[in-house]
Amino acid sequence: SMADWDERFFGEAPNGLTREGVEDAWIAHLEALWARGTPWA
């Protein structure tokens, strides 16, 4: 639900986000944790 908040409530241009893209970016964060020895869970 937050994906369109910037556009709807702050007048920003559409951000073009997709769930797939957000998931991929999030997995990059989990991979960085994993590389440092932190459980991704």
ModelCIF file with pLDDT and N, C-alpha, C, O atoms, coordinates in Angstrom:
data_MODEL
#
_entry.id   MODEL 
#
_entity.id                         1 
_entity.type                       polymer 
_entity.pdbx_number_of_molecules   1 
#
_entity_poly.entity_id                      1 
_entity_poly.type                           'polypeptide(L)' 
_entity_poly.nstd_linkage                   no 
_entity_poly.nstd_monomer                   no 
_entity_poly.pdbx_seq_one_letter_code       SMADWDERFFGEAPNGLTREGVEDAWIAHLEALWARGTPWA 
_entity_poly.pdbx_seq_one_letter_code_can   SMADWDERFFGEAPNGLTREGVEDAWIAHLEALWARGTPWA 
_entity_poly.pdbx_strand_id                 A 
#
loop_
_entity_poly_seq.entity_id 
_entity_poly_seq.num 
_entity_poly_seq.mon_id 
_entity_poly_seq.hetero 
1 1  SER n 
1 2  MET n 
1 3  ALA n 
1 4  ASP n 
1 5  TRP n 
1 6  ASP n 
1 7  GLU n 
1 8  ARG n 
1 9  PHE n 
1 10 PHE n 
1 11 GLY n 
1 12 GLU n 
1 13 ALA n 
1 14 PRO n 
1 15 ASN n 
1 16 GLY n 
1 17 LEU n 
1 18 THR n 
1 19 ARG n 
1 20 GLU n 
1 21 GLY n 
1 22 VAL n 
1 23 GLU n 
1 24 ASP n 
1 25 ALA n 
1 26 TRP n 
1 27 ILE n 
1 28 ALA n 
1 29 HIS n 
1 30 LEU n 
1 31 GLU n 
1 32 ALA n 
1 33 LEU n 
1 34 TRP n 
1 35 ALA n 
1 36 ARG n 
1 37 GLY n 
1 38 THR n 
1 39 PRO n 
1 40 TRP n 
1 41 ALA n 
#
_struct_asym.id          A 
_struct_asym.entity_id   1 
#
loop_
_ma_qa_metric.id 
_ma_qa_metric.mode 
_ma_qa_metric.name 
_ma_qa_metric.software_group_id 
_ma_qa_metric.type 
1 global pLDDT . pLDDT 
2 local  pLDDT . pLDDT 
#
_ma_qa_metric_global.metric_id      1 
_ma_qa_metric_global.metric_value   97.24 
_ma_qa_metric_global.model_id       1 
_ma_qa_metric_global.ordinal_id     1 
#
loop_
_ma_qa_metric_local.label_asym_id 
_ma_qa_metric_local.label_comp_id 
_ma_qa_metric_local.label_seq_id 
_ma_qa_metric_local.metric_id 
_ma_qa_metric_local.metric_value 
_ma_qa_metric_local.model_id 
_ma_qa_metric_local.ordinal_id 
A SER 1  2 97.00 1 1  
A MET 2  2 98.00 1 2  
A ALA 3  2 98.00 1 3  
A ASP 4  2 97.00 1 4  
A TRP 5  2 98.00 1 5  
A ASP 6  2 98.00 1 6  
A GLU 7  2 97.00 1 7  
A ARG 8  2 97.00 1 8  
A PHE 9  2 98.00 1 9  
A PHE 10 2 97.00 1 10 
A GLY 11 2 96.00 1 11 
A GLU 12 2 96.00 1 12 
A ALA 13 2 96.00 1 13 
A PRO 14 2 95.00 1 14 
A ASN 15 2 95.00 1 15 
A GLY 16 2 96.00 1 16 
A LEU 17 2 98.00 1 17 
A THR 18 2 98.00 1 18 
A ARG 19 2 98.00 1 19 
A GLU 20 2 98.00 1 20 
A GLY 21 2 98.00 1 21 
A VAL 22 2 98.00 1 22 
A GLU 23 2 98.00 1 23 
A ASP 24 2 98.00 1 24 
A ALA 25 2 98.00 1 25 
A TRP 26 2 98.00 1 26 
A ILE 27 2 98.00 1 27 
A ALA 28 2 98.00 1 28 
A HIS 29 2 98.00 1 29 
A LEU 30 2 98.00 1 30 
A GLU 31 2 98.00 1 31 
A ALA 32 2 97.00 1 32 
A LEU 33 2 97.00 1 33 
A TRP 34 2 97.00 1 34 
A ALA 35 2 97.00 1 35 
A ARG 36 2 96.00 1 36 
A GLY 37 2 96.00 1 37 
A THR 38 2 96.00 1 38 
A PRO 39 2 97.00 1 39 
A TRP 40 2 98.00 1 40 
A ALA 41 2 97.00 1 41 
#
loop_
_atom_site.group_PDB 
_atom_site.id 
_atom_site.type_symbol 
_atom_site.label_atom_id 
_atom_site.label_alt_id 
_atom_site.label_comp_id 
_atom_site.label_asym_id 
_atom_site.label_entity_id 
_atom_site.label_seq_id 
_atom_site.pdbx_PDB_ins_code 
_atom_site.Cartn_x 
_atom_site.Cartn_y 
_atom_site.Cartn_z 
_atom_site.occupancy 
_atom_site.B_iso_or_equiv 
_atom_site.pdbx_formal_charge 
_atom_site.auth_seq_id 
_atom_site.auth_comp_id 
_atom_site.auth_asym_id 
_atom_site.auth_atom_id 
_atom_site.pdbx_PDB_model_num 
ATOM 1   N N  . SER A 1 1  ? 0.825  -1.212  0.000   1.00 97.00 ? 1  SER A N  1 
ATOM 2   C CA . SER A 1 1  ? 0.000  0.000   0.000   1.00 97.00 ? 1  SER A CA 1 
ATOM 3   C C  . SER A 1 1  ? 0.856  1.257   0.000   1.00 97.00 ? 1  SER A C  1 
ATOM 4   O O  . SER A 1 1  ? 0.404  2.314   -0.440  1.00 97.00 ? 1  SER A O  1 
ATOM 5   N N  . MET A 1 2  ? 2.091  1.156   0.490   1.00 98.00 ? 2  MET A N  1 
ATOM 6   C CA . MET A 1 2  ? 2.960  2.334   0.555   1.00 98.00 ? 2  MET A CA 1 
ATOM 7   C C  . MET A 1 2  ? 3.568  2.695   -0.787  1.00 98.00 ? 2  MET A C  1 
ATOM 8   O O  . MET A 1 2  ? 4.152  3.769   -0.931  1.00 98.00 ? 2  MET A O  1 
ATOM 9   N N  . ALA A 1 3  ? 3.441  1.815   -1.772  1.00 98.00 ? 3  ALA A N  1 
ATOM 10  C CA . ALA A 1 3  ? 4.156  2.013   -3.033  1.00 98.00 ? 3  ALA A CA 1 
ATOM 11  C C  . ALA A 1 3  ? 3.713  3.266   -3.787  1.00 98.00 ? 3  ALA A C  1 
ATOM 12  O O  . ALA A 1 3  ? 4.487  3.814   -4.572  1.00 98.00 ? 3  ALA A O  1 
ATOM 13  N N  . ASP A 1 4  ? 2.477  3.729   -3.561  1.00 97.00 ? 4  ASP A N  1 
ATOM 14  C CA . ASP A 1 4  ? 2.042  4.939   -4.264  1.00 97.00 ? 4  ASP A CA 1 
ATOM 15  C C  . ASP A 1 4  ? 1.889  6.138   -3.332  1.00 97.00 ? 4  ASP A C  1 
ATOM 16  O O  . ASP A 1 4  ? 1.327  7.158   -3.731  1.00 97.00 ? 4  ASP A O  1 
ATOM 17  N N  . TRP A 1 5  ? 2.374  6.032   -2.114  1.00 98.00 ? 5  TRP A N  1 
ATOM 18  C CA . TRP A 1 5  ? 2.237  7.145   -1.176  1.00 98.00 ? 5  TRP A CA 1 
ATOM 19  C C  . TRP A 1 5  ? 2.981  8.386   -1.651  1.00 98.00 ? 5  TRP A C  1 
ATOM 20  O O  . TRP A 1 5  ? 2.472  9.499   -1.513  1.00 98.00 ? 5  TRP A O  1 
ATOM 21  N N  . ASP A 1 6  ? 4.172  8.215   -2.205  1.00 98.00 ? 6  ASP A N  1 
ATOM 22  C CA . ASP A 1 6  ? 4.941  9.389   -2.634  1.00 98.00 ? 6  ASP A CA 1 
ATOM 23  C C  . ASP A 1 6  ? 4.190  10.167  -3.711  1.00 98.00 ? 6  ASP A C  1 
ATOM 24  O O  . ASP A 1 6  ? 4.156  11.397  -3.703  1.00 98.00 ? 6  ASP A O  1 
ATOM 25  N N  . GLU A 1 7  ? 3.594  9.426   -4.632  1.00 97.00 ? 7  GLU A N  1 
ATOM 26  C CA . GLU A 1 7  ? 2.836  10.075  -5.703  1.00 97.00 ? 7  GLU A CA 1 
ATOM 27  C C  . GLU A 1 7  ? 1.543  10.676  -5.173  1.00 97.00 ? 7  GLU A C  1 
ATOM 28  O O  . GLU A 1 7  ? 1.209  11.819  -5.482  1.00 97.00 ? 7  GLU A O  1 
ATOM 29  N N  . ARG A 1 8  ? 0.814  9.896   -4.368  1.00 97.00 ? 8  ARG A N  1 
ATOM 30  C CA . ARG A 1 8  ? -0.513 10.326  -3.948  1.00 97.00 ? 8  ARG A CA 1 
ATOM 31  C C  . ARG A 1 8  ? -0.484 11.438  -2.902  1.00 97.00 ? 8  ARG A C  1 
ATOM 32  O O  . ARG A 1 8  ? -1.310 12.351  -2.939  1.00 97.00 ? 8  ARG A O  1 
ATOM 33  N N  . PHE A 1 9  ? 0.457  11.362  -1.978  1.00 98.00 ? 9  PHE A N  1 
ATOM 34  C CA . PHE A 1 9  ? 0.427  12.287  -0.848  1.00 98.00 ? 9  PHE A CA 1 
ATOM 35  C C  . PHE A 1 9  ? 1.548  13.325  -0.838  1.00 98.00 ? 9  PHE A C  1 
ATOM 36  O O  . PHE A 1 9  ? 1.524  14.259  -0.036  1.00 98.00 ? 9  PHE A O  1 
ATOM 37  N N  . PHE A 1 10 ? 2.539  13.161  -1.737  1.00 97.00 ? 10 PHE A N  1 
ATOM 38  C CA . PHE A 1 10 ? 3.629  14.131  -1.806  1.00 97.00 ? 10 PHE A CA 1 
ATOM 39  C C  . PHE A 1 10 ? 3.800  14.745  -3.193  1.00 97.00 ? 10 PHE A C  1 
ATOM 40  O O  . PHE A 1 10 ? 4.722  15.531  -3.414  1.00 97.00 ? 10 PHE A O  1 
ATOM 41  N N  . GLY A 1 11 ? 2.915  14.389  -4.130  1.00 96.00 ? 11 GLY A N  1 
ATOM 42  C CA . GLY A 1 11 ? 2.985  14.986  -5.449  1.00 96.00 ? 11 GLY A CA 1 
ATOM 43  C C  . GLY A 1 11 ? 4.158  14.546  -6.288  1.00 96.00 ? 11 GLY A C  1 
ATOM 44  O O  . GLY A 1 11 ? 4.520  15.232  -7.244  1.00 96.00 ? 11 GLY A O  1 
ATOM 45  N N  . GLU A 1 12 ? 4.769  13.409  -5.957  1.00 96.00 ? 12 GLU A N  1 
ATOM 46  C CA . GLU A 1 12 ? 5.905  12.899  -6.715  1.00 96.00 ? 12 GLU A CA 1 
ATOM 47  C C  . GLU A 1 12 ? 5.438  12.295  -8.048  1.00 96.00 ? 12 GLU A C  1 
ATOM 48  O O  . GLU A 1 12 ? 4.271  11.934  -8.204  1.00 96.00 ? 12 GLU A O  1 
ATOM 49  N N  . ALA A 1 13 ? 6.353  12.195  -8.986  1.00 96.00 ? 13 ALA A N  1 
ATOM 50  C CA . ALA A 1 13 ? 6.053  11.500  -10.234 1.00 96.00 ? 13 ALA A CA 1 
ATOM 51  C C  . ALA A 1 13 ? 5.888  10.007  -9.947  1.00 96.00 ? 13 ALA A C  1 
ATOM 52  O O  . ALA A 1 13 ? 6.449  9.508   -8.970  1.00 96.00 ? 13 ALA A O  1 
ATOM 53  N N  . PRO A 1 14 ? 5.131  9.283   -10.777 1.00 95.00 ? 14 PRO A N  1 
ATOM 54  C CA . PRO A 1 14 ? 4.999  7.832   -10.582 1.00 95.00 ? 14 PRO A CA 1 
ATOM 55  C C  . PRO A 1 14 ? 6.369  7.176   -10.518 1.00 95.00 ? 14 PRO A C  1 
ATOM 56  O O  . PRO A 1 14 ? 7.259  7.491   -11.307 1.00 95.00 ? 14 PRO A O  1 
ATOM 57  N N  . ASN A 1 15 ? 6.528  6.250   -9.560  1.00 95.00 ? 15 ASN A N  1 
ATOM 58  C CA . ASN A 1 15 ? 7.852  5.674   -9.344  1.00 95.00 ? 15 ASN A CA 1 
ATOM 59  C C  . ASN A 1 15 ? 8.112  4.408   -10.151 1.00 95.00 ? 15 ASN A C  1 
ATOM 60  O O  . ASN A 1 15 ? 9.243  3.924   -10.199 1.00 95.00 ? 15 ASN A O  1 
ATOM 61  N N  . GLY A 1 16 ? 7.078  3.872   -10.782 1.00 96.00 ? 16 GLY A N  1 
ATOM 62  C CA . GLY A 1 16 ? 7.267  2.698   -11.620 1.00 96.00 ? 16 GLY A CA 1 
ATOM 63  C C  . GLY A 1 16 ? 7.617  1.426   -10.863 1.00 96.00 ? 16 GLY A C  1 
ATOM 64  O O  . GLY A 1 16 ? 8.083  0.454   -11.458 1.00 96.00 ? 16 GLY A O  1 
ATOM 65  N N  . LEU A 1 17 ? 7.394  1.430   -9.547  1.00 98.00 ? 17 LEU A N  1 
ATOM 66  C CA . LEU A 1 17 ? 7.727  0.242   -8.769  1.00 98.00 ? 17 LEU A CA 1 
ATOM 67  C C  . LEU A 1 17 ? 6.866  -0.954  -9.167  1.00 98.00 ? 17 LEU A C  1 
ATOM 68  O O  . LEU A 1 17 ? 5.693  -0.813  -9.511  1.00 98.00 ? 17 LEU A O  1 
ATOM 69  N N  . THR A 1 18 ? 7.473  -2.119  -9.112  1.00 98.00 ? 18 THR A N  1 
ATOM 70  C CA . THR A 1 18 ? 6.750  -3.385  -9.233  1.00 98.00 ? 18 THR A CA 1 
ATOM 71  C C  . THR A 1 18 ? 7.101  -4.236  -8.028  1.00 98.00 ? 18 THR A C  1 
ATOM 72  O O  . THR A 1 18 ? 8.150  -4.054  -7.410  1.00 98.00 ? 18 THR A O  1 
ATOM 73  N N  . ARG A 1 19 ? 6.225  -5.159  -7.701  1.00 98.00 ? 19 ARG A N  1 
ATOM 74  C CA . ARG A 1 19 ? 6.531  -6.040  -6.564  1.00 98.00 ? 19 ARG A CA 1 
ATOM 75  C C  . ARG A 1 19 ? 7.773  -6.868  -6.858  1.00 98.00 ? 19 ARG A C  1 
ATOM 76  O O  . ARG A 1 19 ? 8.588  -7.122  -5.971  1.00 98.00 ? 19 ARG A O  1 
ATOM 77  N N  . GLU A 1 20 ? 7.909  -7.284  -8.109  1.00 98.00 ? 20 GLU A N  1 
ATOM 78  C CA . GLU A 1 20 ? 9.095  -8.065  -8.472  1.00 98.00 ? 20 GLU A CA 1 
ATOM 79  C C  . GLU A 1 20 ? 10.372 -7.257  -8.247  1.00 98.00 ? 20 GLU A C  1 
ATOM 80  O O  . GLU A 1 20 ? 11.358 -7.770  -7.716  1.00 98.00 ? 20 GLU A O  1 
ATOM 81  N N  . GLY A 1 21 ? 10.342 -5.989  -8.657  1.00 98.00 ? 21 GLY A N  1 
ATOM 82  C CA . GLY A 1 21 ? 11.518 -5.144  -8.490  1.00 98.00 ? 21 GLY A CA 1 
ATOM 83  C C  . GLY A 1 21 ? 11.840 -4.888  -7.033  1.00 98.00 ? 21 GLY A C  1 
ATOM 84  O O  . GLY A 1 21 ? 13.006 -4.910  -6.639  1.00 98.00 ? 21 GLY A O  1 
ATOM 85  N N  . VAL A 1 22 ? 10.808 -4.644  -6.223  1.00 98.00 ? 22 VAL A N  1 
ATOM 86  C CA . VAL A 1 22 ? 11.024 -4.436  -4.791  1.00 98.00 ? 22 VAL A CA 1 
ATOM 87  C C  . VAL A 1 22 ? 11.582 -5.709  -4.154  1.00 98.00 ? 22 VAL A C  1 
ATOM 88  O O  . VAL A 1 22 ? 12.480 -5.658  -3.313  1.00 98.00 ? 22 VAL A O  1 
ATOM 89  N N  . GLU A 1 23 ? 11.030 -6.854  -4.572  1.00 98.00 ? 23 GLU A N  1 
ATOM 90  C CA . GLU A 1 23 ? 11.540 -8.115  -4.018  1.00 98.00 ? 23 GLU A CA 1 
ATOM 91  C C  . GLU A 1 23 ? 13.015 -8.305  -4.371  1.00 98.00 ? 23 GLU A C  1 
ATOM 92  O O  . GLU A 1 23 ? 13.806 -8.705  -3.516  1.00 98.00 ? 23 GLU A O  1 
ATOM 93  N N  . ASP A 1 24 ? 13.388 -8.029  -5.599  1.00 98.00 ? 24 ASP A N  1 
ATOM 94  C CA . ASP A 1 24 ? 14.791 -8.191  -5.998  1.00 98.00 ? 24 ASP A CA 1 
ATOM 95  C C  . ASP A 1 24 ? 15.707 -7.272  -5.179  1.00 98.00 ? 24 ASP A C  1 
ATOM 96  O O  . ASP A 1 24 ? 16.785 -7.684  -4.751  1.00 98.00 ? 24 ASP A O  1 
ATOM 97  N N  . ALA A 1 25 ? 15.275 -6.040  -4.968  1.00 98.00 ? 25 ALA A N  1 
ATOM 98  C CA . ALA A 1 25 ? 16.083 -5.108  -4.172  1.00 98.00 ? 25 ALA A CA 1 
ATOM 99  C C  . ALA A 1 25 ? 16.194 -5.585  -2.728  1.00 98.00 ? 25 ALA A C  1 
ATOM 100 O O  . ALA A 1 25 ? 17.242 -5.451  -2.096  1.00 98.00 ? 25 ALA A O  1 
ATOM 101 N N  . TRP A 1 26 ? 15.119 -6.135  -2.225  1.00 98.00 ? 26 TRP A N  1 
ATOM 102 C CA . TRP A 1 26 ? 15.114 -6.657  -0.859  1.00 98.00 ? 26 TRP A CA 1 
ATOM 103 C C  . TRP A 1 26 ? 16.026 -7.874  -0.729  1.00 98.00 ? 26 TRP A C  1 
ATOM 104 O O  . TRP A 1 26 ? 16.733 -8.022  0.268   1.00 98.00 ? 26 TRP A O  1 
ATOM 105 N N  . ILE A 1 27 ? 16.007 -8.741  -1.736  1.00 98.00 ? 27 ILE A N  1 
ATOM 106 C CA . ILE A 1 27 ? 16.892 -9.909  -1.705  1.00 98.00 ? 27 ILE A CA 1 
ATOM 107 C C  . ILE A 1 27 ? 18.355 -9.467  -1.688  1.00 98.00 ? 27 ILE A C  1 
ATOM 108 O O  . ILE A 1 27 ? 19.190 -10.116 -1.059  1.00 98.00 ? 27 ILE A O  1 
ATOM 109 N N  . ALA A 1 28 ? 18.667 -8.372  -2.373  1.00 98.00 ? 28 ALA A N  1 
ATOM 110 C CA . ALA A 1 28 ? 20.043 -7.856  -2.328  1.00 98.00 ? 28 ALA A CA 1 
ATOM 111 C C  . ALA A 1 28 ? 20.428 -7.487  -0.896  1.00 98.00 ? 28 ALA A C  1 
ATOM 112 O O  . ALA A 1 28 ? 21.562 -7.715  -0.475  1.00 98.00 ? 28 ALA A O  1 
ATOM 113 N N  . HIS A 1 29 ? 19.481 -6.917  -0.150  1.00 98.00 ? 29 HIS A N  1 
ATOM 114 C CA . HIS A 1 29 ? 19.744 -6.603  1.264   1.00 98.00 ? 29 HIS A CA 1 
ATOM 115 C C  . HIS A 1 29 ? 19.969 -7.889  2.055   1.00 98.00 ? 29 HIS A C  1 
ATOM 116 O O  . HIS A 1 29 ? 20.887 -7.968  2.871   1.00 98.00 ? 29 HIS A O  1 
ATOM 117 N N  . LEU A 1 30 ? 19.127 -8.899  1.813   1.00 98.00 ? 30 LEU A N  1 
ATOM 118 C CA . LEU A 1 30 ? 19.288 -10.166 2.526   1.00 98.00 ? 30 LEU A CA 1 
ATOM 119 C C  . LEU A 1 30 ? 20.617 -10.827 2.182   1.00 98.00 ? 30 LEU A C  1 
ATOM 120 O O  . LEU A 1 30 ? 21.272 -11.406 3.049   1.00 98.00 ? 30 LEU A O  1 
ATOM 121 N N  . GLU A 1 31 ? 21.013 -10.738 0.910   1.00 98.00 ? 31 GLU A N  1 
ATOM 122 C CA . GLU A 1 31 ? 22.292 -11.324 0.496   1.00 98.00 ? 31 GLU A CA 1 
ATOM 123 C C  . GLU A 1 31 ? 23.459 -10.634 1.205   1.00 98.00 ? 31 GLU A C  1 
ATOM 124 O O  . GLU A 1 31 ? 24.427 -11.285 1.597   1.00 98.00 ? 31 GLU A O  1 
ATOM 125 N N  . ALA A 1 32 ? 23.361 -9.317  1.366   1.00 97.00 ? 32 ALA A N  1 
ATOM 126 C CA . ALA A 1 32 ? 24.424 -8.588  2.070   1.00 97.00 ? 32 ALA A CA 1 
ATOM 127 C C  . ALA A 1 32 ? 24.500 -9.037  3.529   1.00 97.00 ? 32 ALA A C  1 
ATOM 128 O O  . ALA A 1 32 ? 25.593 -9.194  4.073   1.00 97.00 ? 32 ALA A O  1 
ATOM 129 N N  . LEU A 1 33 ? 23.348 -9.242  4.161   1.00 97.00 ? 33 LEU A N  1 
ATOM 130 C CA . LEU A 1 33 ? 23.346 -9.764  5.528   1.00 97.00 ? 33 LEU A CA 1 
ATOM 131 C C  . LEU A 1 33 ? 23.981 -11.144 5.586   1.00 97.00 ? 33 LEU A C  1 
ATOM 132 O O  . LEU A 1 33 ? 24.815 -11.434 6.444   1.00 97.00 ? 33 LEU A O  1 
ATOM 133 N N  . TRP A 1 34 ? 23.561 -11.988 4.646   1.00 97.00 ? 34 TRP A N  1 
ATOM 134 C CA . TRP A 1 34 ? 24.055 -13.365 4.582   1.00 97.00 ? 34 TRP A CA 1 
ATOM 135 C C  . TRP A 1 34 ? 25.578 -13.382 4.434   1.00 97.00 ? 34 TRP A C  1 
ATOM 136 O O  . TRP A 1 34 ? 26.261 -14.198 5.054   1.00 97.00 ? 34 TRP A O  1 
ATOM 137 N N  . ALA A 1 35 ? 26.096 -12.482 3.615   1.00 97.00 ? 35 ALA A N  1 
ATOM 138 C CA . ALA A 1 35 ? 27.545 -12.423 3.397   1.00 97.00 ? 35 ALA A CA 1 
ATOM 139 C C  . ALA A 1 35 ? 28.293 -12.020 4.662   1.00 97.00 ? 35 ALA A C  1 
ATOM 140 O O  . ALA A 1 35 ? 29.456 -12.378 4.845   1.00 97.00 ? 35 ALA A O  1 
ATOM 141 N N  . ARG A 1 36 ? 27.623 -11.277 5.530   1.00 96.00 ? 36 ARG A N  1 
ATOM 142 C CA . ARG A 1 36 ? 28.254 -10.858 6.792   1.00 96.00 ? 36 ARG A CA 1 
ATOM 143 C C  . ARG A 1 36 ? 28.015 -11.858 7.920   1.00 96.00 ? 36 ARG A C  1 
ATOM 144 O O  . ARG A 1 36 ? 28.451 -11.645 9.051   1.00 96.00 ? 36 ARG A O  1 
ATOM 145 N N  . GLY A 1 37 ? 27.319 -12.954 7.601   1.00 96.00 ? 37 GLY A N  1 
ATOM 146 C CA . GLY A 1 37 ? 27.072 -13.972 8.613   1.00 96.00 ? 37 GLY A CA 1 
ATOM 147 C C  . GLY A 1 37 ? 25.820 -13.765 9.428   1.00 96.00 ? 37 GLY A C  1 
ATOM 148 O O  . GLY A 1 37 ? 25.624 -14.438 10.440  1.00 96.00 ? 37 GLY A O  1 
ATOM 149 N N  . THR A 1 38 ? 24.956 -12.836 9.004   1.00 96.00 ? 38 THR A N  1 
ATOM 150 C CA . THR A 1 38 ? 23.702 -12.585 9.713   1.00 96.00 ? 38 THR A CA 1 
ATOM 151 C C  . THR A 1 38 ? 22.591 -13.411 9.076   1.00 96.00 ? 38 THR A C  1 
ATOM 152 O O  . THR A 1 38 ? 22.409 -13.330 7.861   1.00 96.00 ? 38 THR A O  1 
ATOM 153 N N  . PRO A 1 39 ? 21.842 -14.198 9.836   1.00 97.00 ? 39 PRO A N  1 
ATOM 154 C CA . PRO A 1 39 ? 20.747 -14.987 9.256   1.00 97.00 ? 39 PRO A CA 1 
ATOM 155 C C  . PRO A 1 39 ? 19.732 -14.074 8.567   1.00 97.00 ? 39 PRO A C  1 
ATOM 156 O O  . PRO A 1 39 ? 19.284 -13.085 9.148   1.00 97.00 ? 39 PRO A O  1 
ATOM 157 N N  . TRP A 1 40 ? 19.375 -14.405 7.342   1.00 98.00 ? 40 TRP A N  1 
ATOM 158 C CA . TRP A 1 40 ? 18.450 -13.538 6.602   1.00 98.00 ? 40 TRP A CA 1 
ATOM 159 C C  . TRP A 1 40 ? 17.052 -13.526 7.206   1.00 98.00 ? 40 TRP A C  1 
ATOM 160 O O  . TRP A 1 40 ? 16.284 -12.591 6.979   1.00 98.00 ? 40 TRP A O  1 
ATOM 161 N N  . ALA A 1 41 ? 16.718 -14.561 7.975   1.00 97.00 ? 41 ALA A N  1 
ATOM 162 C CA . ALA A 1 41 ? 15.365 -14.645 8.536   1.00 97.00 ? 41 ALA A CA 1 
ATOM 163 C C  . ALA A 1 41 ? 15.055 -13.511 9.502   1.00 97.00 ? 41 ALA A C  1 
ATOM 164 O O  . ALA A 1 41 ? 13.955 -13.452 10.051  1.00 97.00 ? 41 ALA A O  1 
#
